[in-house]
């Protein structure tokens, strides 16, 4: 399992960007996303930007990572943490990403 970490671009040059995330500044490879501009958000993994995201998605991922950290450290009630940090997933059916949906479902 891979975890994506949201980071905000501070500066970019060529195929790399300096980004700020939960662990400070990091130099990130941008070959998979293409050129980035300061202020953009990216989801990173293993030192590379994997996807350009918006600030709302970055906040959702940060909240999920905060919940995982709290659960692993034994802080608080697990169910309350899930309800709070994963509110966008509670009480809804899982959905396949668009690229995995059958063509007929996508066309309707």
Protein backbone atom coordinates (compact mmCIF):
# COMPACT_ATOMS: atom_id res chain seq x y z
CA UNK A 1 0.00 0.00 0.00
CA UNK A 2 1.26 3.45 -0.89
CA UNK A 3 0.31 6.62 0.92
CA UNK A 4 0.19 9.88 -0.96
CA UNK A 5 1.29 12.97 0.91
CA UNK A 6 -0.15 16.33 -0.15
CA UNK A 7 2.42 19.06 -0.67
CA UNK A 8 2.22 22.63 -1.93
CA UNK A 9 4.70 23.83 -4.52
CA UNK A 10 6.99 26.59 -3.27
CA UNK A 11 9.10 26.85 -6.42
CA UNK A 12 9.68 24.78 -9.54
CA UNK A 13 12.39 24.50 -12.14
CA UNK A 14 12.76 21.94 -14.89
CA UNK A 15 11.67 18.48 -13.76
CA UNK A 16 11.72 19.25 -10.04
CA UNK A 17 9.93 21.37 -7.49
CA UNK A 18 10.53 22.41 -3.91
CA UNK A 19 7.34 21.61 -2.00
CA UNK A 20 6.14 22.15 1.56
CA UNK A 21 4.24 19.40 3.36
CA UNK A 22 3.61 17.97 6.80
CA UNK A 23 7.32 17.14 7.20
CA UNK A 24 8.74 20.44 5.92
CA UNK A 25 10.39 21.24 2.61
CA UNK A 26 11.30 18.54 0.12
CA UNK A 27 12.62 18.45 -3.44
CA UNK A 28 10.10 16.54 -5.57
CA UNK A 29 10.46 15.00 -9.05
CA UNK A 30 7.75 16.33 -11.41
CA UNK A 31 8.21 14.11 -14.45
CA UNK A 32 4.79 12.45 -13.95
CA UNK A 33 2.85 15.71 -13.62
CA UNK A 34 4.77 18.00 -15.91
CA UNK A 35 5.65 21.59 -15.05
CA UNK A 36 4.20 23.00 -11.83
CA UNK A 37 3.69 26.53 -10.56
CA UNK A 38 4.15 27.92 -7.07
CA UNK A 39 0.98 27.51 -5.04
CA UNK A 40 -0.23 24.33 -6.75
CA UNK A 41 -0.98 21.25 -4.67
CA UNK A 42 0.32 17.80 -5.57
CA UNK A 43 -0.08 14.34 -4.14
CA UNK A 44 3.40 12.89 -3.67
CA UNK A 45 4.82 9.46 -3.03
CA UNK A 46 8.43 8.35 -2.70
CA UNK A 47 9.82 11.76 -3.69
CA UNK A 48 7.72 12.24 -6.81
CA UNK A 49 4.59 14.23 -7.61
CA UNK A 50 1.98 11.69 -8.74
CA UNK A 51 -1.07 13.90 -9.26
CA UNK A 52 -2.05 17.57 -9.25
CA UNK A 53 -4.85 18.13 -6.72
CA UNK A 54 -6.81 21.09 -5.38
CA UNK A 55 -6.62 22.56 -1.86
CA UNK A 56 -9.84 20.80 -0.80
CA UNK A 57 -8.48 17.36 -1.75
CA UNK A 58 -5.19 18.18 -0.01
CA UNK A 59 -7.12 19.01 3.17
CA UNK A 60 -9.08 15.72 2.95
CA UNK A 61 -5.87 13.69 2.63
CA UNK A 62 -4.23 15.63 5.48
CA UNK A 63 -7.27 14.91 7.68
CA UNK A 64 -7.06 11.20 6.85
CA UNK A 65 -3.35 11.15 7.67
CA UNK A 66 -4.06 12.93 10.98
CA UNK A 67 -6.62 10.23 11.82
CA UNK A 68 -4.16 7.43 11.02
CA UNK A 69 -1.52 9.08 13.18
CA UNK A 70 -3.98 9.43 16.08
CA UNK A 71 -5.20 5.83 15.79
CA UNK A 72 -1.66 4.45 15.63
CA UNK A 73 -0.61 6.44 18.68
CA UNK A 74 -3.69 5.33 20.65
CA UNK A 75 -5.20 8.82 20.92
CA UNK A 76 -8.96 9.02 21.32
CA UNK A 77 -11.88 6.84 20.32
CA UNK A 78 -11.30 5.09 16.99
CA UNK A 79 -14.94 5.40 15.85
CA UNK A 80 -15.05 9.12 16.67
CA UNK A 81 -11.77 9.64 14.79
CA UNK A 82 -13.14 7.82 11.74
CA UNK A 83 -16.40 9.78 11.80
CA UNK A 84 -14.54 13.09 12.07
CA UNK A 85 -11.58 12.59 9.73
CA UNK A 86 -13.29 10.42 7.12
CA UNK A 87 -16.62 12.28 7.03
CA UNK A 88 -16.59 12.27 3.22
CA UNK A 89 -16.55 8.44 3.22
CA UNK A 90 -18.92 7.64 6.10
CA UNK A 91 -22.40 6.40 5.09
CA UNK A 92 -21.79 6.18 1.37
CA UNK A 93 -21.19 3.34 -1.02
CA UNK A 94 -17.67 2.91 -2.43
CA UNK A 95 -17.28 4.16 -6.00
CA UNK A 96 -14.91 2.95 -8.66
CA UNK A 97 -12.62 5.55 -10.20
CA UNK A 98 -13.86 6.68 -13.61
CA UNK A 99 -11.15 4.79 -15.52
CA UNK A 100 -12.30 1.47 -13.95
CA UNK A 101 -16.04 1.94 -14.58
CA UNK A 102 -17.67 -0.04 -17.39
CA UNK A 103 -18.14 2.02 -20.54
CA UNK A 104 -21.95 1.79 -20.39
CA UNK A 105 -22.00 3.31 -16.87
CA UNK A 106 -19.77 6.20 -18.00
CA UNK A 107 -21.96 6.97 -21.03
CA UNK A 108 -25.20 7.35 -19.04
